[in-house]
Amino acid sequence: MNDYLELSSIRDIYIIYQNNTSLWWLKFLKKGFRHCYLLVHYKKDNVLIKLDSLSNVMLVDMKKDIKIYDYINYLSTNADIQIQKVRVGKLEEDVMPVSLFSCVSFVKRFLGVRSYSTLTPFQLYKLILDCKNIFLDK
């Protein structure tokens, strides 16, 4: 039996943008868009996985049997964050662009975003809005 969570069983994906300033150089980024991470909701077993690429470690947190919409509502009202509900773009056969590993490059790779010039969380936010027919969930 396969216990892996598959891409086809994803129900919702959320990009969370936050005003994290734990590193001095993050203060140069746009306020409210200094860090980003993913929340991935799998319909099978009602599992929510938080994928957070930090400068020194990759955090993976899993919550089972969570009321996702209550949790997203809680985040949006009790934290200084922006939330984008998205979907995975068209997966290409060619190699992803080489880039420094950051929270933005991790999110881009997960979603299949192939933009060399998107380097900051705010640029990613704007790119997703501009490509809403590809990435934004209706």
C-alpha atoms as a PDB file:
ATOM      1  CA  MET A   1       0.000   0.000   0.000  1.00  0.00           C
ATOM      2  CA  ASN A   2       1.238   3.503  -0.867  1.00  0.00           C
ATOM      3  CA  ASP A   3       1.252   5.886   2.119  1.00  0.00           C
ATOM      4  CA  TYR A   4       2.590   8.861   0.156  1.00  0.00           C
ATOM      5  CA  LEU A   5       0.458  11.945  -0.338  1.00  0.00           C
ATOM      6  CA  GLU A   6       0.161  12.448  -4.086  1.00  0.00           C
ATOM      7  CA  LEU A   7      -0.137  15.652  -6.070  1.00  0.00           C
ATOM      8  CA  SER A   8      -3.503  14.498  -7.439  1.00  0.00           C
ATOM      9  CA  SER A   9      -4.973  14.358  -3.936  1.00  0.00           C
ATOM     10  CA  ILE A  10      -4.294  18.039  -3.173  1.00  0.00           C
ATOM     11  CA  ARG A  11      -7.478  19.952  -2.422  1.00  0.00           C
ATOM     12  CA  ASP A  12      -6.152  23.453  -1.708  1.00  0.00           C
ATOM     13  CA  ILE A  13      -2.794  25.240  -1.726  1.00  0.00           C
ATOM     14  CA  TYR A  14      -2.271  28.537   0.051  1.00  0.00           C
ATOM     15  CA  ILE A  15       0.733  30.830  -0.150  1.00  0.00           C
ATOM     16  CA  ILE A  16       1.163  32.686   3.122  1.00  0.00           C
ATOM     17  CA  TYR A  17       3.082  35.973   2.959  1.00  0.00           C
ATOM     18  CA  GLN A  18       4.240  37.442   6.229  1.00  0.00           C
ATOM     19  CA  ASN A  19       6.195  40.325   7.682  1.00  0.00           C
ATOM     20  CA  ASN A  20       8.907  38.162   9.259  1.00  0.00           C
ATOM     21  CA  THR A  21      12.025  40.238   9.989  1.00  0.00           C
ATOM     22  CA  SER A  22      14.130  37.720  11.892  1.00  0.00           C
ATOM     23  CA  LEU A  23      17.077  38.390   9.565  1.00  0.00           C
ATOM     24  CA  TRP A  24      18.455  41.927   9.247  1.00  0.00           C
ATOM     25  CA  TRP A  25      18.393  41.975   5.451  1.00  0.00           C
ATOM     26  CA  LEU A  26      14.667  41.129   5.315  1.00  0.00           C
ATOM     27  CA  LYS A  27      13.976  44.707   6.441  1.00  0.00           C
ATOM     28  CA  PHE A  28      14.857  45.828   2.887  1.00  0.00           C
ATOM     29  CA  LEU A  29      11.934  43.851   1.435  1.00  0.00           C
ATOM     30  CA  LYS A  30       8.409  45.228   1.120  1.00  0.00           C
ATOM     31  CA  LYS A  31       6.566  45.312   4.438  1.00  0.00           C
ATOM     32  CA  GLY A  32       4.102  42.444   4.717  1.00  0.00           C
ATOM     33  CA  PHE A  33       5.987  40.472   2.045  1.00  0.00           C
ATOM     34  CA  ARG A  34       9.265  39.522   3.706  1.00  0.00           C
ATOM     35  CA  HIS A  35       8.735  35.762   3.841  1.00  0.00           C
ATOM     36  CA  CYS A  36       6.432  33.199   2.248  1.00  0.00           C
ATOM     37  CA  TYR A  37       5.532  29.578   2.836  1.00  0.00           C
ATOM     38  CA  LEU A  38       2.941  27.028   1.722  1.00  0.00           C
ATOM     39  CA  LEU A  39      -0.050  25.374   3.333  1.00  0.00           C
ATOM     40  CA  VAL A  40      -1.096  22.296   1.365  1.00  0.00           C
ATOM     41  CA  HIS A  41      -4.463  20.699   2.124  1.00  0.00           C
ATOM     42  CA  TYR A  42      -4.905  17.067   1.064  1.00  0.00           C
ATOM     43  CA  LYS A  43      -8.468  15.855   0.687  1.00  0.00           C
ATOM     44  CA  LYS A  44      -7.572  12.305   1.618  1.00  0.00           C
ATOM     45  CA  ASP A  45      -7.461  12.031   5.423  1.00  0.00           C
ATOM     46  CA  ASN A  46      -8.054  15.812   5.708  1.00  0.00           C
ATOM     47  CA  VAL A  47      -4.342  16.574   6.216  1.00  0.00           C
ATOM     48  CA  LEU A  48      -2.839  20.072   6.237  1.00  0.00           C
ATOM     49  CA  ILE A  49       0.910  20.316   5.658  1.00  0.00           C
ATOM     50  CA  LYS A  50       2.886  23.481   6.299  1.00  0.00           C
ATOM     51  CA  LEU A  51       6.028  23.716   4.137  1.00  0.00           C
ATOM     52  CA  ASP A  52       8.263  26.526   5.352  1.00  0.00           C
ATOM     53  CA  SER A  53      11.704  27.067   3.838  1.00  0.00           C
ATOM     54  CA  LEU A  54      13.781  29.115   6.266  1.00  0.00           C
ATOM     55  CA  SER A  55      17.363  30.306   5.844  1.00  0.00           C
ATOM     56  CA  ASN A  56      18.756  27.466   7.945  1.00  0.00           C
ATOM     57  CA  VAL A  57      16.170  24.674   7.862  1.00  0.00           C
ATOM     58  CA  MET A  58      13.084  23.365   6.069  1.00  0.00           C
ATOM     59  CA  LEU A  59      10.122  23.073   8.419  1.00  0.00           C
ATOM     60  CA  VAL A  60       7.399  20.546   7.676  1.00  0.00           C
ATOM     61  CA  ASP A  61       4.418  20.485  10.009  1.00  0.00           C
ATOM     62  CA  MET A  62       1.418  18.202   9.541  1.00  0.00           C
ATOM     63  CA  LYS A  63      -1.997  18.583  11.123  1.00  0.00           C
ATOM     64  CA  LYS A  64      -4.713  15.958  10.747  1.00  0.00           C
ATOM     65  CA  ASP A  65      -8.468  16.425  10.817  1.00  0.00           C
ATOM     66  CA  ILE A  66      -8.249  20.197  10.746  1.00  0.00           C
ATOM     67  CA  LYS A  67     -11.059  22.517   9.756  1.00  0.00           C
ATOM     68  CA  ILE A  68      -9.056  24.221   7.039  1.00  0.00           C
ATOM     69  CA  TYR A  69     -11.385  27.138   6.378  1.00  0.00           C
ATOM     70  CA  ASP A  70     -11.590  27.968  10.095  1.00  0.00           C
ATOM     71  CA  TYR A  71      -7.794  27.773  10.302  1.00  0.00           C
ATOM     72  CA  ILE A  72      -7.286  30.051   7.258  1.00  0.00           C
ATOM     73  CA  ASN A  73      -9.838  32.483   8.669  1.00  0.00           C
ATOM     74  CA  TYR A  74      -8.033  32.417  12.014  1.00  0.00           C
ATOM     75  CA  LEU A  75      -4.689  33.138  10.307  1.00  0.00           C
ATOM     76  CA  SER A  76      -6.078  35.980   8.231  1.00  0.00           C
ATOM     77  CA  THR A  77      -7.695  37.717  11.204  1.00  0.00           C
ATOM     78  CA  ASN A  78      -5.065  37.105  13.898  1.00  0.00           C
ATOM     79  CA  ALA A  79      -1.772  37.462  12.042  1.00  0.00           C
ATOM     80  CA  ASP A  80      -0.122  40.139   9.922  1.00  0.00           C
ATOM     81  CA  ILE A  81      -0.239  38.071   6.718  1.00  0.00           C
ATOM     82  CA  GLN A  82      -1.538  37.952   3.160  1.00  0.00           C
ATOM     83  CA  ILE A  83      -3.007  34.723   1.803  1.00  0.00           C
ATOM     84  CA  GLN A  84      -3.294  33.573  -1.819  1.00  0.00           C
ATOM     85  CA  LYS A  85      -5.215  30.416  -2.650  1.00  0.00           C
ATOM     86  CA  VAL A  86      -3.478  28.903  -5.666  1.00  0.00           C
ATOM     87  CA  ARG A  87      -3.161  25.779  -7.744  1.00  0.00           C
ATOM     88  CA  VAL A  88      -0.181  24.013  -9.284  1.00  0.00           C
ATOM     89  CA  GLY A  89       0.660  25.296 -12.756  1.00  0.00           C
ATOM     90  CA  LYS A  90       1.303  23.162 -15.821  1.00  0.00           C
ATOM     91  CA  LEU A  91       4.188  20.865 -15.016  1.00  0.00           C
ATOM     92  CA  GLU A  92       6.831  21.062 -17.737  1.00  0.00           C
ATOM     93  CA  GLU A  93       9.295  18.336 -18.673  1.00  0.00           C
ATOM     94  CA  ASP A  94      12.321  20.639 -18.806  1.00  0.00           C
ATOM     95  CA  VAL A  95      14.527  21.522 -15.859  1.00  0.00           C
ATOM     96  CA  MET A  96      13.545  24.350 -13.517  1.00  0.00           C
ATOM     97  CA  PRO A  97      15.729  27.482 -13.633  1.00  0.00           C
ATOM     98  CA  VAL A  98      18.791  27.437 -11.400  1.00  0.00           C
ATOM     99  CA  SER A  99      18.494  29.898  -8.515  1.00  0.00           C
ATOM    100  CA  LEU A 100      19.537  30.536  -4.952  1.00  0.00           C
ATOM    101  CA  PHE A 101      17.444  28.519  -2.541  1.00  0.00           C
ATOM    102  CA  SER A 102      15.013  30.819  -0.754  1.00  0.00           C
ATOM    103  CA  CYS A 103      11.427  30.760   0.415  1.00  0.00           C
ATOM    104  CA  VAL A 104      10.407  32.217  -2.968  1.00  0.00           C
ATOM    105  CA  SER A 105      12.374  29.684  -5.026  1.00  0.00           C
ATOM    106  CA  PHE A 106      10.851  26.853  -2.971  1.00  0.00           C
ATOM    107  CA  VAL A 107       7.289  28.090  -3.544  1.00  0.00           C
ATOM    108  CA  LYS A 108       7.981  28.666  -7.256  1.00  0.00           C
ATOM    109  CA  ARG A 109       9.378  25.152  -7.651  1.00  0.00           C
ATOM    110  CA  PHE A 110       6.408  23.579  -5.839  1.00  0.00           C
ATOM    111  CA  LEU A 111       3.898  25.455  -8.017  1.00  0.00           C
ATOM    112  CA  GLY A 112       5.814  25.075 -11.281  1.00  0.00           C
ATOM    113  CA  VAL A 113       6.462  28.820 -11.675  1.00  0.00           C
ATOM    114  CA  ARG A 114       9.241  29.427 -14.216  1.00  0.00           C
ATOM    115  CA  SER A 115      10.116  33.070 -13.751  1.00  0.00           C
ATOM    116  CA  TYR A 116      13.810  33.944 -13.562  1.00  0.00           C
ATOM    117  CA  SER A 117      13.108  37.512 -12.460  1.00  0.00           C
ATOM    118  CA  THR A 118      10.822  36.671  -9.518  1.00  0.00           C
ATOM    119  CA  LEU A 119      13.093  36.865  -6.479  1.00  0.00           C
ATOM    120  CA  THR A 120      11.112  38.423  -3.612  1.00  0.00           C
ATOM    121  CA  PRO A 121       7.838  37.429  -1.955  1.00  0.00           C
ATOM    122  CA  PHE A 122       6.150  40.604  -3.253  1.00  0.00           C
ATOM    123  CA  GLN A 123       7.290  39.872  -6.823  1.00  0.00           C
ATOM    124  CA  LEU A 124       5.836  36.374  -6.435  1.00  0.00           C
ATOM    125  CA  TYR A 125       2.563  37.800  -5.119  1.00  0.00           C
ATOM    126  CA  LYS A 126       2.314  40.165  -8.121  1.00  0.00           C
ATOM    127  CA  LEU A 127       3.263  37.399 -10.586  1.00  0.00           C
ATOM    128  CA  ILE A 128       0.545  35.127  -9.230  1.00  0.00           C
ATOM    129  CA  LEU A 129      -2.001  37.958  -9.553  1.00  0.00           C
ATOM    130  CA  ASP A 130      -0.845  38.707 -13.120  1.00  0.00           C
ATOM    131  CA  CYS A 131      -1.078  35.005 -14.075  1.00  0.00           C
ATOM    132  CA  LYS A 132      -4.380  34.404 -12.323  1.00  0.00           C
ATOM    133  CA  ASN A 133      -5.701  32.187 -15.123  1.00  0.00           C
ATOM    134  CA  ILE A 134      -2.781  29.804 -14.492  1.00  0.00           C
ATOM    135  CA  PHE A 135      -2.187  29.856 -10.745  1.00  0.00           C
ATOM    136  CA  LEU A 136      -5.095  31.441  -8.875  1.00  0.00           C
ATOM    137  CA  ASP A 137      -7.795  29.089  -7.737  1.00  0.00           C
ATOM    138  CA  LYS A 138     -11.241  30.257  -8.740  1.00  0.00           C
END
